[in-house]
Structure formats: structure tokens, C-alpha cells
Amino acid sequence: MQASVVQGRMNNPVMVVPGALQPLLELAKSAREVGLSPRTADLVHLRAAQVNGCSYCVDMHARDLKEAGETDERLFAVAAWREAPYFTEAERAALALTEAATRLSDRPDPVPDEVWEEAARHYDEPTLAALIIEIALINFWNRTTIAVRQVAGSGSG
């Protein structure tokens, strides 16, 4: 069976619309400056990309994590984090919040109190705010990248 060749439709919109990229980069930089672990942020990015089916972002964030020293066991288990023993309680709370805030239409109460309270137990207000920004940003990137069918490993598209 021959794999079909995936081709992008166009460059990512943030590369096309003048002035669109820089504010997103600044927002991401601001979120990283309040103390949220970069590894947690990258795990969140990888999990949201998996949920959204964004091959470009899955590829990029898995590579970023690997380059940062992440273990194969943890990388391979992100999609099944609930059943895997490799994640801290704080990381589990971040991943649960990521899934809830990514799958907004899957349930009447998209981010249930128990998910929120567990995240708030592990993160202070600034790092919880940064976590929410990271989740929102990766969902933004997933949506733009999927819409234009940006190909995994293709760079900026």
C-alpha cells in the first residue's frame, strides 16, 4: 500500500498576514517568563496537538521534547498519560486541563471543577495563567496549521 503524499494548501496564515506572528511570539514569551516549566509547556503542546490531530505540531513538539532530554518512555506515553506511570501529579493536572480546554464541545461543562481544582492545587495563579495561555496558543497553532494542511517536518510552511 502506497502512502498518499500530503501537500500543504498555503503558508501558515501568521506568515502571510503582516504583523500577525510577532504578537503570538511575544505572548508565548510572556507565558514562559512566569515560571511554568518549559517541559510542562511542551508536554501540553504535544498532547493538544495529538488531540487535535495536528501532525505538524505533534512532530515539532515531540522533537522539541526529545532535544530537551525527554525520555522515549514519556514521549511514547503522552497519548495515554492517564495509564502511564511516567508523569508527575502536576504534569497530570496540566494534561487533564489541556484535554478539557481543547475538547470544549465534548461535554456540557468543558472544564469541570475537579479538573480546574487539581490544576490550581499544583500551580499558583501566574503559572496557572501561563498554562492556560499555553493551551490556548497551541490550539490556535493547531487550527491554523490543520486548516492549511501544513506538512510535518516542513518548517514554517
Protein backbone atom coordinates (compact mmCIF):
# COMPACT_ATOMS: atom_id res chain seq x y z
CA MET A 1 0.00 0.00 0.00
CA GLN A 2 1.46 3.32 -1.04
CA ALA A 3 1.10 6.30 1.26
CA SER A 4 -0.52 9.34 -0.25
CA VAL A 5 1.61 12.45 -0.49
CA VAL A 6 0.32 15.20 1.74
CA GLN A 7 0.71 18.69 0.36
CA GLY A 8 0.11 21.95 2.11
CA ARG A 9 -2.52 24.34 0.85
CA MET A 10 -0.67 27.56 1.62
CA ASN A 11 1.76 29.07 4.08
CA ASN A 12 0.57 29.35 7.67
CA PRO A 13 -1.67 32.45 7.91
CA VAL A 14 0.60 34.06 10.52
CA MET A 15 3.35 34.03 7.91
CA VAL A 16 1.04 35.65 5.35
CA VAL A 17 -0.73 38.35 7.37
CA PRO A 18 1.71 41.17 8.11
CA GLY A 19 2.30 41.67 11.81
CA ALA A 20 0.48 38.51 12.91
CA LEU A 21 3.44 36.41 14.03
CA GLN A 22 5.22 38.78 16.42
CA PRO A 23 2.34 39.27 18.92
CA LEU A 24 1.94 35.48 19.17
CA LEU A 25 5.64 35.06 19.84
CA GLU A 26 5.52 37.80 22.47
CA LEU A 27 2.52 36.18 24.17
CA ALA A 28 4.35 32.84 24.27
CA LYS A 29 7.45 34.55 25.68
CA SER A 30 5.36 36.26 28.39
CA ALA A 31 3.80 32.94 29.39
CA ARG A 32 7.25 31.34 29.72
CA GLU A 33 8.53 34.12 31.98
CA VAL A 34 6.29 33.40 34.99
CA GLY A 35 7.80 30.08 35.96
CA LEU A 36 5.83 27.40 34.16
CA SER A 37 8.24 24.58 33.36
CA PRO A 38 9.18 24.58 29.66
CA ARG A 39 8.92 20.78 29.75
CA THR A 40 5.34 21.01 31.06
CA ALA A 41 4.51 23.55 28.37
CA ASP A 42 5.93 21.25 25.70
CA LEU A 43 4.03 18.23 27.07
CA VAL A 44 0.84 20.34 26.92
CA HIS A 45 1.65 21.32 23.33
CA LEU A 46 2.24 17.72 22.33
CA ARG A 47 -0.95 16.45 23.97
CA ALA A 48 -3.18 19.15 22.47
CA ALA A 49 -1.65 18.51 19.05
CA GLN A 50 -2.39 14.80 19.45
CA VAL A 51 -5.99 15.51 20.46
CA ASN A 52 -6.43 17.88 17.53
CA GLY A 53 -4.71 15.59 15.03
CA CYS A 54 -2.11 18.17 14.04
CA SER A 55 0.75 16.14 12.55
CA TYR A 56 2.96 19.19 12.07
CA CYS A 57 2.71 20.17 15.76
CA VAL A 58 2.97 16.58 17.04
CA ASP A 59 6.17 16.18 15.06
CA MET A 60 7.60 19.53 16.15
CA HIS A 61 6.80 19.23 19.86
CA ALA A 62 7.91 15.61 20.11
CA ARG A 63 11.22 16.65 18.55
CA ASP A 64 11.49 19.67 20.89
CA LEU A 65 10.91 17.44 23.91
CA LYS A 66 13.43 14.87 22.70
CA GLU A 67 16.04 17.60 22.13
CA ALA A 68 15.36 18.89 25.66
CA GLY A 69 16.23 15.45 27.04
CA GLU A 70 12.78 13.92 27.36
CA THR A 71 12.78 10.12 27.62
CA ASP A 72 11.31 7.89 24.95
CA GLU A 73 9.02 6.28 27.54
CA ARG A 74 7.41 9.60 28.39
CA LEU A 75 7.18 10.73 24.77
CA PHE A 76 5.56 7.48 23.69
CA ALA A 77 3.12 7.58 26.61
CA VAL A 78 1.80 11.16 26.33
CA ALA A 79 -1.28 10.00 24.42
CA ALA A 80 -2.03 7.52 27.24
CA TRP A 81 -0.81 9.62 30.15
CA ARG A 82 -3.64 8.52 32.47
CA GLU A 83 -2.48 4.91 32.34
CA ALA A 84 1.28 5.57 32.23
CA PRO A 85 3.42 5.80 35.37
CA TYR A 86 5.86 8.34 33.93
CA PHE A 87 4.20 11.65 34.79
CA THR A 88 4.15 13.72 37.96
CA GLU A 89 0.88 14.73 39.58
CA ALA A 90 1.45 18.31 38.41
CA GLU A 91 2.02 17.15 34.83
CA ARG A 92 -1.13 15.01 35.02
CA ALA A 93 -3.10 18.04 36.19
CA ALA A 94 -1.70 20.09 33.29
CA LEU A 95 -2.51 17.35 30.78
CA ALA A 96 -6.06 16.97 32.14
CA LEU A 97 -6.62 20.73 31.88
CA THR A 98 -5.18 20.65 28.36
CA GLU A 99 -7.59 17.95 27.24
CA ALA A 100 -10.57 19.68 28.84
CA ALA A 101 -9.75 23.10 27.39
CA THR A 102 -9.02 21.56 23.99
CA ARG A 103 -12.17 19.44 23.76
CA LEU A 104 -14.58 22.23 24.66
CA SER A 105 -17.62 20.84 22.88
CA ASP A 106 -17.28 17.27 24.18
CA ARG A 107 -19.27 17.86 27.38
CA PRO A 108 -21.71 20.36 28.88
CA ASP A 109 -19.15 21.54 31.46
CA PRO A 110 -15.99 21.69 29.33
CA VAL A 111 -13.59 22.30 32.22
CA PRO A 112 -15.11 20.55 35.24
CA ASP A 113 -14.39 21.86 38.72
CA GLU A 114 -12.35 18.77 39.62
CA VAL A 115 -10.02 19.33 36.65
CA TRP A 116 -9.68 23.02 37.50
CA GLU A 117 -9.15 22.40 41.22
CA GLU A 118 -6.45 19.79 40.58
CA ALA A 119 -4.59 22.19 38.30
CA ALA A 120 -4.96 25.01 40.83
CA ARG A 121 -3.58 22.70 43.52
CA HIS A 122 -0.33 22.29 41.59
CA TYR A 123 0.11 25.72 40.02
CA ASP A 124 -0.04 29.17 41.57
CA GLU A 125 -2.06 31.86 39.82
CA PRO A 126 0.71 33.14 37.49
CA THR A 127 1.79 29.66 36.39
CA LEU A 128 -1.84 28.54 36.02
CA ALA A 129 -2.47 31.62 33.87
CA ALA A 130 0.60 30.75 31.81
CA LEU A 131 -0.63 27.18 31.45
CA ILE A 132 -3.98 28.41 30.14
CA ILE A 133 -2.22 30.73 27.69
CA GLU A 134 -0.03 27.84 26.50
CA ILE A 135 -3.14 25.68 25.97
CA ALA A 136 -4.89 28.47 24.05
CA LEU A 137 -1.82 29.16 21.92
CA ILE A 138 -1.26 25.54 20.92
CA ASN A 139 -4.92 25.24 20.00
CA PHE A 140 -4.56 28.38 17.86
CA TRP A 141 -1.47 26.96 16.16
CA ASN A 142 -3.17 23.57 15.65
CA ARG A 143 -6.14 25.20 13.98
CA THR A 144 -4.16 27.38 11.61
CA THR A 145 -1.76 24.58 10.77
CA ILE A 146 -4.50 22.00 10.17
CA ALA A 147 -6.56 24.42 8.06
CA VAL A 148 -3.68 24.94 5.64
CA ARG A 149 -2.51 21.31 5.88
CA GLN A 150 0.99 22.29 6.88
CA VAL A 151 3.09 19.15 6.38
CA ALA A 152 5.00 17.66 9.32
CA GLY A 153 8.68 18.49 9.08
CA SER A 154 8.11 21.24 6.51
CA GLY A 155 9.37 24.20 8.53
CA SER A 156 7.29 27.37 8.55
CA GLY A 157 5.08 26.23 5.67
